[in-house]
Amino acid sequence: MARGWQPADLARIATRRLGPAAGRLVADIAAAQRRGQPGPVPGWWDDQLAGLDATVWWDDDGGYLTAWAARQGTDRIAALRDAVEVLALVESLPPIAVLRPPPGVAGQVAAAPAGGSGSRILDRVRALLAKAESTTFPAEAEALTGKAQELMSRHSIGVALVAGTAERADLPGGVRLGTDPPYPGAKALLVQEVAAANRCESIWSDDLGFATVLGFPADLAAVELLYTSLLVQATAAMLRGRTERRGGGRRTKAYDESFLNAFALRIGERLRAAADEASREAARNEGSARLLPVLAARTDAVRERLDDLFPGVTRKRLTVSDEEGWSSGTSAADRASLAPGAGPPRPVRGGHRPAR
């Protein structure tokens, strides 16, 4: 695990390019490396391994391929071929931005989110988003998501104010979120909208299948939770939208993509409205003279990190090719009667991508 690639990144791209079995092989490699890792390992690394269910399940390394073949219901030759393909893929991957030093590498890293209170807030947010995903009432889903954003914004502001008085300055970090097909551009737009509402910056690497989000720890946690939930909600809304099309028109890629783009933009407006309200409330309680310089300094720090890691950023404009899909997507995200406004799709920043 090197050249900027984290375990979750490698598992994602292996699954994308070689299939699910390759992703599981990467998880096993990460588990084996973790077992032999000397010294302390950062919590985020173990969190990623837990998310991949990466554990050493085999008895001894010498018999790994035989055990893998038995687990996959194949033979040792096929298992060896799978392992060689994964290793070849990993070796062929380009270097990417080092968001945080891996285990065993010294370096200045972003501070972890504040302890117990942060965990309680995240638990409340997860509960709200789980309800939003399960409800069949769009207005209820929107209200629950807005409440989750408001809670995360309040928490972020509280953390920022505390960090502003600390002797050791907090630093922006980063996470990568998958934007695999179908409709990777719409997913990248959703990442961008959620990131912007949480004072983060996002860069889309479409050839690698992810968007990099830069920001402070509490804000990054909000982006991860909200993006994951909203992707579920957007997909469900799109499927409902198909059944509501005029005259029962058949599904088209243009309809689905326009729907998801519109959904992302309108949801972004709602999230920003909730975040702005939390900021106004904090300014009333803490005083603008105290709050605004802290938030401005953090915004500048995130943009400086963006410029350092991605100096050659370009922009990719998303197009709308299905008016009905755009209208349905906007309506699906706008049934809770918030402020109007989405115009044409905004450009999505891209990192290192092949020219189109």
Protein backbone atom coordinates (compact mmCIF):
# COMPACT_ATOMS: atom_id res chain seq x y z
CA MET A 1 0.00 0.00 0.00
CA ALA A 2 2.07 2.93 -1.27
CA ARG A 3 2.26 5.91 -3.65
CA GLY A 4 -0.77 7.50 -2.03
CA TRP A 5 -3.08 4.50 -2.40
CA GLN A 6 -4.95 3.47 0.73
CA PRO A 7 -6.49 0.01 1.31
CA ALA A 8 -10.01 1.17 0.47
CA ASP A 9 -8.76 2.83 -2.73
CA LEU A 10 -6.99 -0.32 -3.91
CA ALA A 11 -9.93 -2.58 -3.08
CA ARG A 12 -12.28 -0.24 -4.95
CA ILE A 13 -10.23 -0.06 -8.14
CA ALA A 14 -9.43 -3.79 -8.08
CA THR A 15 -13.13 -4.57 -7.83
CA ARG A 16 -13.90 -2.07 -10.58
CA ARG A 17 -11.32 -3.37 -13.05
CA LEU A 18 -10.98 -7.06 -12.18
CA GLY A 19 -14.13 -8.00 -10.27
CA PRO A 20 -15.24 -8.65 -6.68
CA ALA A 21 -12.78 -11.50 -6.09
CA ALA A 22 -9.89 -9.13 -6.81
CA GLY A 23 -11.23 -6.69 -4.23
CA ARG A 24 -11.30 -9.47 -1.64
CA LEU A 25 -7.71 -10.39 -2.51
CA VAL A 26 -6.65 -6.80 -1.87
CA ALA A 27 -8.38 -6.93 1.51
CA ASP A 28 -6.42 -10.09 2.36
CA ILE A 29 -3.14 -8.44 1.34
CA ALA A 30 -3.96 -5.47 3.56
CA ALA A 31 -4.80 -7.78 6.48
CA ALA A 32 -1.49 -9.63 6.07
CA GLN A 33 0.42 -6.35 6.00
CA ARG A 34 -1.41 -5.13 9.09
CA ARG A 35 -0.49 -8.27 11.02
CA GLY A 36 3.20 -7.65 10.39
CA GLN A 37 3.11 -3.88 10.88
CA PRO A 38 5.58 -2.81 13.59
CA GLY A 39 4.73 0.08 15.86
CA PRO A 40 1.44 1.95 16.23
CA VAL A 41 -1.07 2.06 13.39
CA PRO A 42 -3.34 5.11 12.91
CA GLY A 43 -6.99 4.59 13.67
CA TRP A 44 -8.13 5.53 10.17
CA TRP A 45 -6.10 2.63 8.73
CA ASP A 46 -7.80 0.09 10.98
CA ASP A 47 -11.17 1.70 10.20
CA GLN A 48 -10.58 1.09 6.49
CA LEU A 49 -9.58 -2.52 7.11
CA ALA A 50 -12.72 -3.03 9.19
CA GLY A 51 -14.79 -1.57 6.37
CA LEU A 52 -13.22 -4.08 3.97
CA ASP A 53 -13.73 -6.93 6.47
CA ALA A 54 -9.97 -7.48 6.11
CA THR A 55 -8.91 -10.20 8.54
CA VAL A 56 -6.31 -12.97 8.47
CA TRP A 57 -8.64 -15.94 8.06
CA TRP A 58 -6.08 -18.44 6.66
CA ASP A 59 -3.90 -20.68 8.85
CA ASP A 60 -0.48 -20.00 7.34
CA ASP A 61 0.85 -17.83 4.53
CA GLY A 62 2.43 -20.78 2.74
CA GLY A 63 -0.98 -22.34 2.22
CA TYR A 64 -2.81 -19.12 1.40
CA LEU A 65 -3.42 -19.79 -2.30
CA THR A 66 -4.79 -23.26 -1.57
CA ALA A 67 -7.08 -21.84 1.11
CA TRP A 68 -8.16 -19.00 -1.21
CA ALA A 69 -8.97 -21.45 -4.01
CA ALA A 70 -11.08 -23.56 -1.66
CA ARG A 71 -12.93 -20.50 -0.38
CA GLN A 72 -13.64 -19.30 -3.93
CA GLY A 73 -14.61 -22.74 -5.22
CA THR A 74 -11.82 -22.79 -7.80
CA ASP A 75 -8.41 -24.43 -8.23
CA ARG A 76 -4.90 -23.31 -7.27
CA ILE A 77 -3.98 -22.35 -10.85
CA ALA A 78 -6.95 -19.98 -11.09
CA ALA A 79 -6.12 -18.58 -7.66
CA LEU A 80 -2.53 -17.94 -8.75
CA ARG A 81 -3.79 -16.18 -11.88
CA ASP A 82 -6.08 -13.98 -9.79
CA ALA A 83 -3.21 -13.06 -7.47
CA VAL A 84 -0.88 -12.21 -10.37
CA GLU A 85 -3.55 -10.01 -11.98
CA VAL A 86 -4.08 -8.11 -8.73
CA LEU A 87 -0.35 -7.59 -8.19
CA ALA A 88 0.08 -6.44 -11.80
CA LEU A 89 -2.78 -3.97 -11.39
CA VAL A 90 -1.36 -2.56 -8.16
CA GLU A 91 2.09 -2.14 -9.73
CA SER A 92 0.61 -0.39 -12.78
CA LEU A 93 -1.33 2.25 -10.84
CA PRO A 94 -0.03 5.81 -11.01
CA PRO A 95 1.02 7.74 -7.92
CA ILE A 96 -1.80 9.78 -6.41
CA ALA A 97 -1.97 12.46 -3.75
CA VAL A 98 -0.82 11.33 -0.32
CA LEU A 99 -3.74 12.43 1.84
CA ARG A 100 -2.22 11.14 5.07
CA PRO A 101 0.98 9.20 5.81
CA PRO A 102 0.53 5.42 5.96
CA PRO A 103 1.56 3.38 9.01
CA GLY A 104 5.25 3.61 9.78
CA VAL A 105 5.76 6.90 7.93
CA ALA A 106 6.31 10.04 9.96
CA GLY A 107 4.52 13.17 8.87
CA GLN A 108 2.20 15.94 9.88
CA VAL A 109 -1.37 14.76 9.68
CA ALA A 110 -4.79 16.19 10.24
CA ALA A 111 -6.13 15.95 13.73
CA ALA A 112 -8.74 13.35 14.49
CA PRO A 113 -12.29 14.51 15.20
CA ALA A 114 -13.06 15.42 18.77
CA GLY A 115 -13.68 12.39 20.98
CA GLY A 116 -16.91 11.24 22.56
CA SER A 117 -19.16 14.16 21.65
CA GLY A 118 -18.25 13.78 17.99
CA SER A 119 -19.12 10.09 18.10
CA ARG A 120 -22.51 10.85 19.66
CA ILE A 121 -23.24 13.43 16.97
CA LEU A 122 -22.27 10.98 14.24
CA ASP A 123 -24.53 8.34 15.76
CA ARG A 124 -27.45 10.79 15.72
CA VAL A 125 -26.69 11.73 12.12
CA ARG A 126 -26.51 8.08 11.07
CA ALA A 127 -29.87 7.44 12.70
CA LEU A 128 -31.47 10.39 10.87
CA LEU A 129 -30.01 9.32 7.53
CA ALA A 130 -31.12 5.72 8.04
CA LYS A 131 -34.67 6.98 8.53
CA ALA A 132 -34.34 9.16 5.43
CA GLU A 133 -33.25 6.16 3.37
CA SER A 134 -36.08 3.94 4.60
CA THR A 135 -39.03 6.32 4.31
CA THR A 136 -41.24 6.26 1.23
CA PHE A 137 -42.22 9.91 1.71
CA PRO A 138 -39.85 12.27 -0.17
CA ALA A 139 -40.69 15.29 2.01
CA GLU A 140 -39.83 13.34 5.15
CA ALA A 141 -36.56 12.17 3.63
CA GLU A 142 -35.62 15.74 2.72
CA ALA A 143 -36.47 17.03 6.19
CA LEU A 144 -34.44 14.29 7.89
CA THR A 145 -31.46 14.91 5.61
CA GLY A 146 -31.65 18.64 6.26
CA LYS A 147 -31.68 17.99 10.00
CA ALA A 148 -28.63 15.75 9.65
CA GLN A 149 -26.78 18.50 7.77
CA GLU A 150 -27.74 21.05 10.42
CA LEU A 151 -26.43 18.81 13.21
CA MET A 152 -23.15 18.20 11.40
CA SER A 153 -22.72 21.90 10.66
CA ARG A 154 -23.23 22.82 14.31
CA HIS A 155 -20.75 20.17 15.35
CA SER A 156 -18.22 21.36 12.77
CA ILE A 157 -18.51 24.97 13.95
CA GLY A 158 -18.04 23.89 17.55
CA VAL A 159 -14.93 21.92 16.65
CA ALA A 160 -13.60 24.86 14.61
CA LEU A 161 -14.00 27.28 17.51
CA VAL A 162 -12.19 24.92 19.89
CA ALA A 163 -9.42 24.27 17.36
CA GLY A 164 -9.01 28.01 16.84
CA THR A 165 -7.81 28.38 20.42
CA ALA A 166 -5.54 25.31 20.45
CA GLU A 167 -1.76 25.63 20.55
CA ARG A 168 -1.36 23.09 17.74
CA ALA A 169 -3.33 24.09 14.68
CA ASP A 170 -5.75 21.61 13.16
CA LEU A 171 -4.93 20.66 9.57
CA PRO A 172 -7.11 19.76 6.59
CA GLY A 173 -7.06 16.14 5.50
CA GLY A 174 -8.80 14.18 2.78
CA VAL A 175 -10.93 11.18 1.85
CA ARG A 176 -11.74 9.46 -1.43
CA LEU A 177 -15.30 8.53 -2.38
CA GLY A 178 -16.18 6.10 -5.13
CA THR A 179 -17.86 7.32 -8.33
CA ASP A 180 -18.13 4.07 -10.23
CA PRO A 181 -20.50 3.55 -13.19
CA PRO A 182 -23.30 3.91 -13.88
CA TYR A 183 -23.45 7.70 -14.10
CA PRO A 184 -20.06 8.55 -12.55
CA GLY A 185 -20.38 12.21 -13.54
CA ALA A 186 -23.64 12.56 -11.63
CA LYS A 187 -22.07 10.92 -8.59
CA ALA A 188 -19.09 13.28 -8.80
CA LEU A 189 -21.52 16.21 -8.93
CA LEU A 190 -23.27 14.90 -5.82
CA VAL A 191 -19.91 14.66 -4.03
CA GLN A 192 -19.13 18.24 -5.07
CA GLU A 193 -22.46 19.57 -3.82
CA VAL A 194 -22.20 17.81 -0.47
CA ALA A 195 -18.57 18.90 -0.10
CA ALA A 196 -19.38 22.54 -0.85
CA ALA A 197 -22.13 22.57 1.78
CA ASN A 198 -19.60 21.36 4.35
CA ARG A 199 -16.76 23.78 3.54
CA CYS A 200 -14.76 21.13 1.66
CA GLU A 201 -13.26 20.98 -1.83
CA SER A 202 -13.63 18.04 -4.22
CA ILE A 203 -11.64 16.83 -7.21
CA TRP A 204 -12.92 14.12 -9.55
CA SER A 205 -10.51 11.56 -11.04
CA ASP A 206 -12.92 9.87 -13.42
CA ASP A 207 -10.38 7.45 -14.88
CA LEU A 208 -9.63 6.11 -11.40
CA GLY A 209 -13.26 6.03 -10.28
CA PHE A 210 -13.19 8.33 -7.27
CA ALA A 211 -13.51 11.89 -6.07
CA THR A 212 -11.02 13.28 -3.56
CA VAL A 213 -12.56 15.49 -0.87
CA LEU A 214 -10.33 17.85 1.11
CA GLY A 215 -11.38 19.43 4.38
CA PHE A 216 -11.18 19.28 8.15
CA PRO A 217 -11.99 16.01 9.95
CA ALA A 218 -15.48 16.86 11.20
CA ASP A 219 -16.45 18.18 7.77
CA LEU A 220 -15.05 15.13 6.00
CA ALA A 221 -17.08 12.87 8.29
CA ALA A 222 -20.21 14.80 7.32
CA VAL A 223 -19.44 14.51 3.60
CA GLU A 224 -18.88 10.75 3.81
CA LEU A 225 -22.11 10.12 5.70
CA LEU A 226 -24.26 12.42 3.62
CA TYR A 227 -22.90 11.31 0.25
CA THR A 228 -23.43 7.64 1.04
CA SER A 229 -26.99 8.26 2.21
CA LEU A 230 -27.93 10.67 -0.57
CA LEU A 231 -26.69 8.24 -3.21
CA VAL A 232 -29.14 5.68 -1.86
CA GLN A 233 -31.93 8.27 -1.73
CA ALA A 234 -31.18 9.58 -5.24
CA THR A 235 -31.21 6.10 -6.73
CA ALA A 236 -34.52 5.28 -5.05
CA ALA A 237 -36.02 8.57 -6.25
CA MET A 238 -34.80 7.90 -9.78
CA LEU A 239 -36.42 4.47 -9.81
CA ARG A 240 -39.69 5.99 -8.59
CA GLY A 241 -39.35 8.69 -11.23
CA ARG A 242 -39.14 6.12 -14.00
CA THR A 243 -42.54 4.72 -13.06
CA GLU A 244 -44.05 8.22 -13.02
CA ARG A 245 -42.90 9.24 -16.50
CA ARG A 246 -45.54 10.61 -18.80
CA GLY A 247 -47.15 7.86 -20.83
CA GLY A 248 -45.01 5.22 -19.14
CA GLY A 249 -42.03 6.10 -21.35
CA ARG A 250 -39.19 3.64 -21.34
CA ARG A 251 -36.05 4.18 -19.31
CA THR A 252 -33.20 5.96 -21.06
CA LYS A 253 -29.66 6.71 -19.95
CA ALA A 254 -30.20 10.39 -20.74
CA TYR A 255 -33.26 10.50 -18.47
CA ASP A 256 -31.49 8.82 -15.56
CA GLU A 257 -28.37 10.97 -15.81
CA SER A 258 -30.34 14.21 -16.11
CA PHE A 259 -32.47 13.14 -13.15
CA LEU A 260 -29.43 12.49 -10.95
CA ASN A 261 -27.69 15.72 -11.98
CA ALA A 262 -30.76 17.76 -11.11
CA PHE A 263 -31.21 15.88 -7.85
CA ALA A 264 -27.59 16.60 -6.87
CA LEU A 265 -27.85 20.32 -7.59
CA ARG A 266 -31.11 20.83 -5.74
CA ILE A 267 -29.98 18.73 -2.79
CA GLY A 268 -26.85 20.86 -2.68
CA GLU A 269 -28.99 23.97 -2.30
CA ARG A 270 -30.89 22.39 0.57
CA LEU A 271 -27.74 21.33 2.36
CA ARG A 272 -26.19 24.77 1.98
CA ALA A 273 -29.37 26.36 3.33
CA ALA A 274 -29.20 24.13 6.42
CA ALA A 275 -25.48 24.83 6.86
CA ASP A 276 -25.99 28.58 6.45
CA GLU A 277 -28.71 28.56 9.10
CA ALA A 278 -26.37 26.75 11.50
CA SER A 279 -23.69 29.37 10.80
CA ARG A 280 -26.11 32.24 11.42
CA GLU A 281 -27.21 30.67 14.70
CA ALA A 282 -23.59 30.22 15.77
CA ALA A 283 -22.80 33.83 14.86
CA ARG A 284 -25.69 35.00 17.03
CA ASN A 285 -24.51 32.87 19.94
CA GLU A 286 -20.74 33.30 19.63
CA GLY A 287 -20.51 36.64 17.87
CA SER A 288 -19.54 37.20 14.23
CA ALA A 289 -16.22 38.77 15.25
CA ARG A 290 -15.16 35.47 16.81
CA LEU A 291 -16.72 33.00 14.37
CA LEU A 292 -16.11 34.47 10.91
CA PRO A 293 -12.28 34.74 11.10
CA VAL A 294 -12.09 31.10 12.25
CA LEU A 295 -14.24 29.85 9.37
CA ALA A 296 -12.39 32.04 6.86
CA ALA A 297 -9.03 30.70 8.03
CA ARG A 298 -10.22 27.12 7.64
CA THR A 299 -11.57 27.84 4.16
CA ASP A 300 -8.20 29.31 3.17
CA ALA A 301 -6.37 26.30 4.60
CA VAL A 302 -8.50 23.88 2.57
CA ARG A 303 -7.95 25.84 -0.63
CA GLU A 304 -4.20 25.96 0.02
CA ARG A 305 -4.23 22.18 0.44
CA LEU A 306 -6.14 21.89 -2.83
CA ASP A 307 -3.59 24.01 -4.68
CA ASP A 308 -0.70 22.01 -3.21
CA LEU A 309 -2.09 18.59 -4.12
CA PHE A 310 -3.86 19.40 -7.40
CA PRO A 311 -2.09 22.26 -9.19
CA GLY A 312 -3.35 21.23 -12.64
CA VAL A 313 -7.09 21.12 -12.01
CA THR A 314 -9.39 21.34 -15.03
CA ARG A 315 -13.17 21.65 -15.22
CA LYS A 316 -15.64 19.35 -16.92
CA ARG A 317 -19.09 20.69 -17.76
CA LEU A 318 -21.99 18.31 -17.40
CA THR A 319 -24.74 18.57 -19.98
CA VAL A 320 -28.48 18.03 -19.71
CA SER A 321 -29.91 15.94 -22.52
CA ASP A 322 -33.32 14.97 -21.14
CA GLU A 323 -35.61 17.78 -20.00
CA GLU A 324 -38.10 15.44 -18.37
CA GLY A 325 -35.35 13.75 -16.38
CA TRP A 326 -34.05 17.14 -15.24
CA SER A 327 -37.52 18.27 -14.19
CA SER A 328 -38.29 15.02 -12.39
CA GLY A 329 -34.95 15.04 -10.59
CA THR A 330 -35.46 18.61 -9.44
CA SER A 331 -38.96 17.82 -8.21
CA ALA A 332 -37.78 14.72 -6.39
CA ALA A 333 -35.24 16.79 -4.46
CA ASP A 334 -37.52 19.81 -3.99
CA ARG A 335 -40.70 18.43 -2.44
CA ALA A 336 -39.93 19.87 0.97
CA SER A 337 -40.47 23.45 -0.32
CA LEU A 338 -37.08 25.03 0.17
CA ALA A 339 -35.70 27.98 -1.77
CA PRO A 340 -35.83 27.79 -5.58
CA GLY A 341 -32.95 28.06 -7.87
CA ALA A 342 -30.96 25.38 -9.69
CA GLY A 343 -29.68 26.59 -13.03
CA PRO A 344 -27.57 24.71 -15.55
CA PRO A 345 -25.18 22.14 -14.13
CA ARG A 346 -22.06 23.61 -12.62
CA PRO A 347 -18.65 22.37 -13.76
CA VAL A 348 -17.11 19.52 -11.83
CA ARG A 349 -13.42 19.90 -11.12
CA GLY A 350 -11.34 17.05 -12.46
CA GLY A 351 -7.86 15.97 -11.54
CA HIS A 352 -5.60 13.93 -13.79
CA ARG A 353 -7.93 12.62 -16.50
CA PRO A 354 -7.53 11.64 -20.12
CA ALA A 355 -8.80 14.29 -22.51
CA ARG A 356 -12.20 13.69 -24.01
